[in-house]
Amino acid sequence: MALRVLAEIGVDHGRARAKSVGEFEGQVFDAVITLCDRANETCPVFFGGVERSHLGFEDPAAATGAEDEILAVFRLVRDDIRTGVERFLRGKEGLPRS
């Protein structure tokens, strides 16, 4: 369902895959944004002045009900992620700093 709601807004996520943080070893980041509570709790420490922010939400995969109700939850989370990241990139308030 996540891929379906991403496709609705033109995001082709078909070739994406989960990555280990080890794949990014040695790279420098300006910011790290965690998107779920588990990631926020287990996210490794990033050195070098990296700005960390957390945008937490419920896992839409836990939604129950009819398909249209579950899709609505996935759409809500998708839209919340977009809004939060856009706010962060604009430098506006909205994401609590970790």
Protein backbone atom coordinates (compact mmCIF):
# COMPACT_ATOMS: atom_id res chain seq x y z
CA MET A 1 0.00 0.00 0.00
CA ALA A 2 2.93 2.33 0.62
CA LEU A 3 4.07 1.97 -2.98
CA ARG A 4 0.51 2.54 -4.16
CA VAL A 5 0.05 5.83 -2.29
CA LEU A 6 3.51 7.03 -3.38
CA ALA A 7 2.60 6.30 -7.01
CA GLU A 8 -0.54 8.41 -6.56
CA ILE A 9 1.67 11.48 -6.17
CA GLY A 10 4.13 10.50 -8.89
CA VAL A 11 6.84 8.92 -6.74
CA ASP A 12 8.38 5.86 -8.39
CA HIS A 13 9.62 3.88 -5.44
CA GLY A 14 9.80 0.54 -7.24
CA ARG A 15 13.59 0.19 -7.21
CA ALA A 16 14.11 1.46 -3.68
CA ARG A 17 15.41 -0.87 -0.98
CA ALA A 18 16.15 -0.78 2.72
CA LYS A 19 19.76 0.09 3.43
CA SER A 20 22.01 -0.52 6.39
CA VAL A 21 23.50 2.58 7.96
CA GLY A 22 26.87 0.90 7.30
CA GLU A 23 26.41 1.63 3.59
CA PHE A 24 26.83 5.31 4.41
CA GLU A 25 29.99 4.98 6.49
CA GLY A 26 32.41 7.82 5.82
CA GLN A 27 29.80 10.04 4.18
CA VAL A 28 29.05 13.49 5.56
CA PHE A 29 25.47 14.58 6.17
CA ASP A 30 24.03 18.03 6.83
CA ALA A 31 20.94 16.63 8.51
CA VAL A 32 19.36 13.35 9.57
CA ILE A 33 15.59 13.04 9.89
CA THR A 34 14.13 9.94 11.51
CA LEU A 35 10.58 9.08 10.50
CA CYS A 36 9.46 6.54 13.08
CA ASP A 37 9.94 6.17 16.81
CA ARG A 38 11.98 2.97 16.48
CA ALA A 39 14.42 4.68 14.12
CA ASN A 40 14.68 7.66 16.45
CA GLU A 41 15.54 5.37 19.36
CA THR A 42 18.05 3.23 17.46
CA CYS A 43 19.49 5.84 15.09
CA PRO A 44 23.26 5.90 15.46
CA VAL A 45 25.07 8.97 16.61
CA PHE A 46 26.19 11.16 13.73
CA PHE A 47 29.25 13.28 14.45
CA GLY A 48 30.35 16.53 12.85
CA GLY A 49 27.53 18.87 13.75
CA VAL A 50 24.77 16.96 12.00
CA GLU A 51 21.36 18.39 12.70
CA ARG A 52 19.03 15.62 13.90
CA SER A 53 15.29 15.94 13.76
CA HIS A 54 12.52 13.49 14.39
CA LEU A 55 9.17 13.34 12.63
CA GLY A 56 7.23 10.61 14.37
CA PHE A 57 4.03 8.93 13.28
CA GLU A 58 2.19 5.68 13.73
CA ASP A 59 3.17 2.83 11.44
CA PRO A 60 0.45 2.72 8.76
CA ALA A 61 1.03 -1.01 8.34
CA ALA A 62 -0.72 -1.43 11.70
CA ALA A 63 -3.93 0.13 10.34
CA THR A 64 -7.03 -2.04 10.35
CA GLY A 65 -10.38 -1.89 8.63
CA ALA A 66 -11.56 -1.98 5.05
CA GLU A 67 -9.05 -1.38 2.26
CA ASP A 68 -10.21 2.21 1.72
CA GLU A 69 -9.79 2.94 5.44
CA ILE A 70 -6.28 1.50 5.46
CA LEU A 71 -5.36 3.42 2.31
CA ALA A 72 -6.57 6.60 4.02
CA VAL A 73 -4.10 5.98 6.87
CA PHE A 74 -1.25 5.41 4.40
CA ARG A 75 -2.18 8.63 2.56
CA LEU A 76 -2.27 10.58 5.82
CA VAL A 77 1.20 9.36 6.83
CA ARG A 78 2.55 10.04 3.32
CA ASP A 79 1.20 13.59 3.44
CA ASP A 80 2.48 14.16 7.00
CA ILE A 81 5.98 13.08 5.93
CA ARG A 82 5.90 15.41 2.94
CA THR A 83 4.69 18.36 5.01
CA GLY A 84 7.23 17.79 7.78
CA VAL A 85 10.19 17.41 5.44
CA GLU A 86 9.16 20.44 3.38
CA ARG A 87 8.88 22.48 6.59
CA PHE A 88 12.32 21.29 7.64
CA LEU A 89 13.86 22.15 4.28
CA ARG A 90 12.33 25.64 4.39
CA GLY A 91 13.86 26.12 7.82
CA LYS A 92 10.52 26.73 9.47
CA GLU A 93 9.52 25.48 12.88
CA GLY A 94 7.59 22.28 12.96
CA LEU A 95 9.96 19.41 13.64
CA PRO A 96 11.02 18.99 17.24
CA ARG A 97 14.80 18.89 17.55
CA SER A 98 16.27 15.76 19.10
